[in-house]
Amino acid sequence: MTRSRTALSAAVLAAALSGCSSQATVKGTVRFDGQPVENGGITFIPAGAGGQKAGAEIRNGTYEIPRDRAPAPGKYKVEVTWNKKTGKQVTVPGDPGNKIDETQQAIPAKYNRETTLTAELTSGSNTKDFDLSSR
């Protein structure tokens, strides 16, 4: 009897330490019209009921959602944003003496507020690359 309890305890401990997780870490690349998205954002929004959205910054065309902020496995809608610099300077609202770089949303609505992007995440590590187009 003691041997079977020890074996069961060892099996449970091994499963816990082997990385079995109900989280889906996610990393990947994001390009728009062949160009890496810089200083953008990506958000995974549960497609069904329940769950929580998870997101990350996109830096130099790459993103990663680590285990401590990882979404649960399942189907997700994906939103990508990129406030790209226009090359112009604008006055800071409420501070007319200072100027900042003007930005505008470079990613079409079909990839963010009206997204058509989806992803299926499984438990463990996921790589999801997105190659978006203005067409």
N, C-alpha and C. Protein backbone atom coordinates (compact mmCIF):
# COMPACT_ATOMS: atom_id res chain seq x y z
N MET A 1 0.83 -1.19 0.00
CA MET A 1 0.00 0.00 0.00
C MET A 1 0.87 1.25 0.00
N THR A 2 1.93 1.26 0.80
CA THR A 2 2.82 2.41 0.87
C THR A 2 3.53 2.64 -0.46
N ARG A 3 3.90 1.55 -1.12
CA ARG A 3 4.57 1.67 -2.40
C ARG A 3 3.67 2.32 -3.44
N SER A 4 2.40 1.97 -3.49
CA SER A 4 1.49 2.55 -4.49
C SER A 4 1.23 4.02 -4.18
N ARG A 5 1.18 4.40 -2.92
CA ARG A 5 1.02 5.82 -2.57
C ARG A 5 2.26 6.61 -2.98
N THR A 6 3.43 6.04 -2.75
CA THR A 6 4.67 6.69 -3.14
C THR A 6 4.74 6.85 -4.65
N ALA A 7 4.35 5.79 -5.37
CA ALA A 7 4.36 5.86 -6.83
C ALA A 7 3.38 6.90 -7.33
N LEU A 8 2.19 6.97 -6.73
CA LEU A 8 1.19 7.96 -7.13
C LEU A 8 1.69 9.37 -6.83
N SER A 9 2.27 9.58 -5.66
CA SER A 9 2.82 10.89 -5.31
C SER A 9 3.92 11.30 -6.27
N ALA A 10 4.78 10.35 -6.64
CA ALA A 10 5.86 10.64 -7.58
C ALA A 10 5.30 11.01 -8.95
N ALA A 11 4.25 10.32 -9.39
CA ALA A 11 3.64 10.61 -10.70
C ALA A 11 3.01 12.00 -10.71
N VAL A 12 2.33 12.35 -9.63
CA VAL A 12 1.70 13.68 -9.54
C VAL A 12 2.77 14.76 -9.54
N LEU A 13 3.83 14.56 -8.77
CA LEU A 13 4.92 15.53 -8.71
C LEU A 13 5.61 15.66 -10.08
N ALA A 14 5.84 14.56 -10.76
CA ALA A 14 6.48 14.61 -12.08
C ALA A 14 5.62 15.37 -13.07
N ALA A 15 4.30 15.16 -13.03
CA ALA A 15 3.40 15.88 -13.94
C ALA A 15 3.44 17.37 -13.64
N ALA A 16 3.48 17.72 -12.36
CA ALA A 16 3.50 19.14 -11.99
C ALA A 16 4.80 19.80 -12.43
N LEU A 17 5.91 19.10 -12.32
CA LEU A 17 7.20 19.67 -12.66
C LEU A 17 7.50 19.62 -14.15
N SER A 18 6.75 18.82 -14.91
CA SER A 18 7.06 18.66 -16.33
C SER A 18 6.55 19.81 -17.17
N GLY A 19 5.92 20.78 -16.54
CA GLY A 19 5.46 21.92 -17.31
C GLY A 19 4.02 21.78 -17.76
N CYS A 20 3.32 20.77 -17.30
CA CYS A 20 1.91 20.67 -17.64
C CYS A 20 1.24 21.92 -17.11
N SER A 21 0.59 22.63 -17.97
CA SER A 21 0.04 23.91 -17.58
C SER A 21 -1.21 24.19 -18.37
N SER A 22 -2.11 24.94 -17.78
CA SER A 22 -3.30 25.33 -18.52
C SER A 22 -3.09 26.70 -19.15
N GLN A 23 -1.85 27.16 -19.20
CA GLN A 23 -1.55 28.44 -19.82
C GLN A 23 -0.93 28.21 -21.18
N ALA A 24 -1.09 29.21 -22.04
CA ALA A 24 -0.57 29.13 -23.40
C ALA A 24 0.37 30.31 -23.63
N THR A 25 1.66 30.13 -23.37
CA THR A 25 2.59 31.21 -23.65
C THR A 25 2.63 31.43 -25.16
N VAL A 26 2.78 32.68 -25.56
CA VAL A 26 2.71 33.01 -26.98
C VAL A 26 3.84 33.96 -27.34
N LYS A 27 4.47 33.70 -28.49
CA LYS A 27 5.47 34.61 -29.03
C LYS A 27 5.36 34.53 -30.55
N GLY A 28 5.94 35.53 -31.21
CA GLY A 28 5.91 35.50 -32.66
C GLY A 28 6.38 36.81 -33.27
N THR A 29 6.13 36.92 -34.56
CA THR A 29 6.50 38.12 -35.30
C THR A 29 5.26 38.76 -35.91
N VAL A 30 5.34 40.06 -36.14
CA VAL A 30 4.26 40.80 -36.79
C VAL A 30 4.87 41.72 -37.83
N ARG A 31 4.40 41.55 -39.07
CA ARG A 31 4.86 42.39 -40.19
C ARG A 31 3.63 43.01 -40.85
N PHE A 32 3.83 44.21 -41.37
CA PHE A 32 2.76 44.88 -42.12
C PHE A 32 3.34 45.35 -43.44
N ASP A 33 2.76 44.87 -44.52
CA ASP A 33 3.28 45.14 -45.87
C ASP A 33 4.77 44.87 -45.95
N GLY A 34 5.19 43.76 -45.36
CA GLY A 34 6.58 43.33 -45.42
C GLY A 34 7.51 43.99 -44.43
N GLN A 35 7.02 44.97 -43.68
CA GLN A 35 7.85 45.74 -42.75
C GLN A 35 7.54 45.31 -41.31
N PRO A 36 8.59 45.08 -40.48
CA PRO A 36 8.34 44.73 -39.08
C PRO A 36 7.58 45.86 -38.37
N VAL A 37 6.56 45.49 -37.61
CA VAL A 37 5.82 46.46 -36.81
C VAL A 37 6.72 46.85 -35.63
N GLU A 38 6.93 48.15 -35.47
CA GLU A 38 7.75 48.65 -34.36
C GLU A 38 6.86 49.41 -33.38
N ASN A 39 7.07 49.16 -32.11
CA ASN A 39 6.33 49.88 -31.07
C ASN A 39 4.83 49.78 -31.24
N GLY A 40 4.36 48.58 -31.51
CA GLY A 40 2.93 48.33 -31.66
C GLY A 40 2.41 47.53 -30.48
N GLY A 41 1.22 46.98 -30.66
CA GLY A 41 0.62 46.16 -29.62
C GLY A 41 -0.16 45.02 -30.23
N ILE A 42 -0.24 43.90 -29.52
CA ILE A 42 -1.03 42.75 -29.95
C ILE A 42 -1.85 42.28 -28.76
N THR A 43 -3.13 41.97 -29.00
CA THR A 43 -4.03 41.52 -27.95
C THR A 43 -4.78 40.29 -28.41
N PHE A 44 -4.81 39.26 -27.56
CA PHE A 44 -5.56 38.04 -27.81
C PHE A 44 -6.83 38.12 -26.96
N ILE A 45 -8.00 38.10 -27.63
CA ILE A 45 -9.29 38.26 -26.96
C ILE A 45 -10.07 36.96 -27.12
N PRO A 46 -10.52 36.35 -26.01
CA PRO A 46 -11.24 35.08 -26.12
C PRO A 46 -12.41 35.19 -27.10
N ALA A 47 -12.53 34.22 -28.01
CA ALA A 47 -13.59 34.23 -29.02
C ALA A 47 -14.91 33.77 -28.42
N GLY A 48 -14.88 32.98 -27.35
CA GLY A 48 -16.09 32.50 -26.71
C GLY A 48 -16.30 33.15 -25.37
N ALA A 49 -17.26 32.59 -24.63
CA ALA A 49 -17.56 33.10 -23.30
C ALA A 49 -16.43 32.76 -22.34
N GLY A 50 -16.22 33.64 -21.39
CA GLY A 50 -15.20 33.39 -20.37
C GLY A 50 -13.81 33.73 -20.87
N GLY A 51 -12.85 33.44 -20.03
CA GLY A 51 -11.46 33.71 -20.39
C GLY A 51 -11.11 35.18 -20.22
N GLN A 52 -9.85 35.45 -20.30
CA GLN A 52 -9.37 36.81 -20.17
C GLN A 52 -8.50 37.15 -21.37
N LYS A 53 -8.53 38.42 -21.75
CA LYS A 53 -7.65 38.82 -22.84
C LYS A 53 -6.23 38.98 -22.31
N ALA A 54 -5.29 38.83 -23.22
CA ALA A 54 -3.87 38.96 -22.88
C ALA A 54 -3.19 39.66 -24.03
N GLY A 55 -2.18 40.46 -23.72
CA GLY A 55 -1.51 41.19 -24.78
C GLY A 55 -0.06 41.47 -24.46
N ALA A 56 0.60 42.06 -25.45
CA ALA A 56 2.02 42.39 -25.30
C ALA A 56 2.37 43.52 -26.26
N GLU A 57 3.47 44.17 -25.96
CA GLU A 57 4.02 45.18 -26.88
C GLU A 57 4.74 44.46 -28.01
N ILE A 58 4.68 45.06 -29.18
CA ILE A 58 5.45 44.57 -30.33
C ILE A 58 6.65 45.50 -30.46
N ARG A 59 7.83 44.93 -30.39
CA ARG A 59 9.08 45.70 -30.50
C ARG A 59 9.90 45.11 -31.64
N ASN A 60 10.24 45.95 -32.61
CA ASN A 60 11.05 45.51 -33.75
C ASN A 60 10.49 44.26 -34.41
N GLY A 61 9.16 44.19 -34.49
CA GLY A 61 8.50 43.10 -35.20
C GLY A 61 8.29 41.83 -34.40
N THR A 62 8.64 41.81 -33.11
CA THR A 62 8.44 40.61 -32.31
C THR A 62 7.66 40.92 -31.03
N TYR A 63 7.00 39.90 -30.50
CA TYR A 63 6.25 40.03 -29.24
C TYR A 63 6.37 38.72 -28.47
N GLU A 64 6.09 38.80 -27.18
CA GLU A 64 6.06 37.60 -26.34
C GLU A 64 5.16 37.85 -25.14
N ILE A 65 4.26 36.91 -24.89
CA ILE A 65 3.43 36.94 -23.69
C ILE A 65 3.96 35.84 -22.78
N PRO A 66 4.62 36.21 -21.69
CA PRO A 66 5.25 35.21 -20.82
C PRO A 66 4.23 34.45 -19.97
N ARG A 67 4.70 33.39 -19.35
CA ARG A 67 3.84 32.49 -18.58
C ARG A 67 3.01 33.23 -17.52
N ASP A 68 3.58 34.23 -16.85
CA ASP A 68 2.84 34.90 -15.78
C ASP A 68 1.69 35.77 -16.28
N ARG A 69 1.62 36.04 -17.59
CA ARG A 69 0.50 36.81 -18.16
C ARG A 69 -0.18 36.05 -19.29
N ALA A 70 0.14 34.75 -19.41
CA ALA A 70 -0.31 33.95 -20.54
C ALA A 70 -1.81 33.67 -20.50
N PRO A 71 -2.43 33.63 -21.68
CA PRO A 71 -3.85 33.29 -21.75
C PRO A 71 -4.06 31.79 -21.60
N ALA A 72 -5.29 31.40 -21.34
CA ALA A 72 -5.65 29.98 -21.29
C ALA A 72 -5.72 29.45 -22.73
N PRO A 73 -5.55 28.16 -22.92
CA PRO A 73 -5.71 27.59 -24.26
C PRO A 73 -7.12 27.84 -24.79
N GLY A 74 -7.25 28.00 -26.09
CA GLY A 74 -8.55 28.21 -26.70
C GLY A 74 -8.47 29.03 -27.97
N LYS A 75 -9.65 29.43 -28.46
CA LYS A 75 -9.74 30.23 -29.68
C LYS A 75 -9.80 31.71 -29.31
N TYR A 76 -9.06 32.52 -30.08
CA TYR A 76 -8.96 33.94 -29.80
C TYR A 76 -9.12 34.77 -31.07
N LYS A 77 -9.69 35.97 -30.89
CA LYS A 77 -9.61 37.01 -31.90
C LYS A 77 -8.32 37.76 -31.58
N VAL A 78 -7.64 38.26 -32.62
CA VAL A 78 -6.35 38.92 -32.41
C VAL A 78 -6.43 40.34 -32.96
N GLU A 79 -6.04 41.31 -32.15
CA GLU A 79 -6.01 42.71 -32.57
C GLU A 79 -4.56 43.20 -32.58
N VAL A 80 -4.20 43.90 -33.66
CA VAL A 80 -2.85 44.45 -33.80
C VAL A 80 -2.98 45.95 -34.03
N THR A 81 -2.20 46.73 -33.28
CA THR A 81 -2.18 48.18 -33.45
C THR A 81 -0.75 48.64 -33.66
N TRP A 82 -0.62 49.76 -34.35
CA TRP A 82 0.71 50.35 -34.58
C TRP A 82 0.53 51.83 -34.82
N ASN A 83 0.81 52.64 -33.83
CA ASN A 83 0.79 54.09 -33.98
C ASN A 83 2.14 54.52 -34.52
N LYS A 84 2.22 54.60 -35.84
CA LYS A 84 3.46 54.86 -36.56
C LYS A 84 3.71 56.36 -36.67
N LYS A 85 4.97 56.75 -36.52
CA LYS A 85 5.34 58.16 -36.65
C LYS A 85 5.11 58.62 -38.09
N THR A 86 4.59 59.84 -38.23
CA THR A 86 4.32 60.41 -39.56
C THR A 86 5.48 61.23 -40.09
N GLY A 87 6.42 61.58 -39.21
CA GLY A 87 7.54 62.44 -39.61
C GLY A 87 7.28 63.91 -39.30
N LYS A 88 6.09 64.20 -38.76
CA LYS A 88 5.74 65.58 -38.39
C LYS A 88 5.80 65.74 -36.88
N GLN A 89 5.97 66.99 -36.45
CA GLN A 89 5.91 67.34 -35.03
C GLN A 89 4.60 68.08 -34.78
N VAL A 90 3.98 67.80 -33.65
CA VAL A 90 2.73 68.48 -33.28
C VAL A 90 2.88 69.03 -31.86
N THR A 91 2.10 70.04 -31.55
CA THR A 91 2.11 70.64 -30.23
C THR A 91 1.46 69.70 -29.23
N VAL A 92 2.07 69.60 -28.05
CA VAL A 92 1.52 68.78 -26.98
C VAL A 92 0.24 69.43 -26.49
N PRO A 93 -0.89 68.69 -26.46
CA PRO A 93 -2.14 69.27 -25.97
C PRO A 93 -1.97 69.80 -24.54
N GLY A 94 -2.37 71.04 -24.32
CA GLY A 94 -2.27 71.66 -23.00
C GLY A 94 -0.88 72.19 -22.68
N ASP A 95 0.07 72.03 -23.58
CA ASP A 95 1.43 72.52 -23.34
C ASP A 95 2.00 73.05 -24.66
N PRO A 96 1.53 74.24 -25.07
CA PRO A 96 1.88 74.76 -26.39
C PRO A 96 3.37 75.00 -26.61
N GLY A 97 4.18 74.99 -25.58
CA GLY A 97 5.61 75.22 -25.74
C GLY A 97 6.38 73.97 -26.15
N ASN A 98 5.74 72.81 -26.07
CA ASN A 98 6.44 71.56 -26.38
C ASN A 98 5.81 70.86 -27.57
N LYS A 99 6.66 70.17 -28.33
CA LYS A 99 6.19 69.41 -29.49
C LYS A 99 6.61 67.95 -29.33
N ILE A 100 5.79 67.07 -29.93
CA ILE A 100 6.08 65.64 -29.94
C ILE A 100 5.89 65.11 -31.36
N ASP A 101 6.40 63.91 -31.59
CA ASP A 101 6.20 63.27 -32.89
C ASP A 101 4.73 62.92 -33.08
N GLU A 102 4.20 63.26 -34.24
CA GLU A 102 2.82 62.89 -34.58
C GLU A 102 2.81 61.41 -34.98
N THR A 103 1.78 60.70 -34.55
CA THR A 103 1.60 59.30 -34.94
C THR A 103 0.20 59.10 -35.47
N GLN A 104 0.04 58.05 -36.26
CA GLN A 104 -1.30 57.68 -36.72
C GLN A 104 -1.36 56.16 -36.81
N GLN A 105 -2.55 55.62 -36.66
CA GLN A 105 -2.75 54.17 -36.74
C GLN A 105 -2.41 53.69 -38.15
N ALA A 106 -1.40 52.83 -38.26
CA ALA A 106 -0.95 52.35 -39.56
C ALA A 106 -1.62 51.04 -39.96
N ILE A 107 -2.21 50.35 -39.00
CA ILE A 107 -2.82 49.05 -39.26
C ILE A 107 -4.31 49.25 -39.55
N PRO A 108 -4.83 48.70 -40.65
CA PRO A 108 -6.26 48.84 -40.96
C PRO A 108 -7.17 48.23 -39.89
N ALA A 109 -8.37 48.75 -39.80
CA ALA A 109 -9.35 48.31 -38.80
C ALA A 109 -9.62 46.81 -38.86
N LYS A 110 -9.47 46.20 -40.04
CA LYS A 110 -9.75 44.76 -40.16
C LYS A 110 -8.78 43.91 -39.35
N TYR A 111 -7.72 44.54 -38.82
CA TYR A 111 -6.76 43.83 -37.98
C TYR A 111 -6.79 44.31 -36.53
N ASN A 112 -7.67 45.28 -36.19
CA ASN A 112 -7.78 45.72 -34.80
C ASN A 112 -9.24 45.87 -34.41
N ARG A 113 -9.81 47.05 -34.40
CA ARG A 113 -11.16 47.21 -33.84
C ARG A 113 -12.24 46.41 -34.58
N GLU A 114 -12.01 46.03 -35.84
CA GLU A 114 -12.93 45.18 -36.61
C GLU A 114 -12.20 43.92 -37.06
N THR A 115 -11.40 43.36 -36.18
CA THR A 115 -10.46 42.30 -36.54
C THR A 115 -11.09 41.08 -37.20
N THR A 116 -10.37 40.55 -38.17
CA THR A 116 -10.71 39.28 -38.81
C THR A 116 -9.67 38.23 -38.46
N LEU A 117 -8.66 38.62 -37.67
CA LEU A 117 -7.59 37.70 -37.29
C LEU A 117 -8.04 36.79 -36.15
N THR A 118 -7.64 35.53 -36.25
CA THR A 118 -7.94 34.56 -35.19
C THR A 118 -6.70 33.71 -34.93
N ALA A 119 -6.67 33.09 -33.77
CA ALA A 119 -5.58 32.17 -33.42
C ALA A 119 -6.12 31.13 -32.45
N GLU A 120 -5.65 29.92 -32.60
CA GLU A 120 -5.97 28.84 -31.66
C GLU A 120 -4.71 28.60 -30.83
N LEU A 121 -4.84 28.72 -29.51
CA LEU A 121 -3.71 28.52 -28.61
C LEU A 121 -3.87 27.21 -27.86
N THR A 122 -2.78 26.48 -27.75
CA THR A 122 -2.77 25.23 -27.00
C THR A 122 -1.95 25.44 -25.73
N SER A 123 -2.08 24.53 -24.76
CA SER A 123 -1.30 24.70 -23.54
C SER A 123 0.18 24.54 -23.88
N GLY A 124 1.02 25.24 -23.14
CA GLY A 124 2.44 25.22 -23.41
C GLY A 124 2.84 26.38 -24.29
N SER A 125 3.88 26.17 -25.08
CA SER A 125 4.46 27.24 -25.89
C SER A 125 3.82 27.29 -27.28
N ASN A 126 3.43 28.49 -27.71
CA ASN A 126 2.84 28.72 -29.03
C ASN A 126 3.64 29.79 -29.76
N THR A 127 3.86 29.60 -31.06
CA THR A 127 4.44 30.62 -31.91
C THR A 127 3.39 31.01 -32.93
N LYS A 128 3.00 32.29 -32.92
CA LYS A 128 1.98 32.81 -33.84
C LYS A 128 2.55 34.02 -34.55
N ASP A 129 2.83 33.86 -35.84
CA ASP A 129 3.35 34.93 -36.67
C ASP A 129 2.22 35.52 -37.51
N PHE A 130 2.24 36.83 -37.69
CA PHE A 130 1.21 37.52 -38.46
C PHE A 130 1.88 38.37 -39.52
N ASP A 131 1.55 38.11 -40.79
CA ASP A 131 2.05 38.88 -41.92
C ASP A 131 0.86 39.60 -42.53
N LEU A 132 0.66 40.85 -42.13
CA LEU A 132 -0.52 41.63 -42.49
C LEU A 132 -0.27 42.44 -43.74
N SER A 133 -1.38 42.75 -44.45
CA SER A 133 -1.27 43.48 -45.70
C SER A 133 -2.32 44.59 -45.76
N SER A 134 -1.98 45.69 -46.41
CA SER A 134 -2.94 46.78 -46.58
C SER A 134 -3.97 46.46 -47.66
N ARG A 135 -3.75 45.42 -48.41
CA ARG A 135 -4.70 45.02 -49.46
C ARG A 135 -5.89 44.33 -48.92
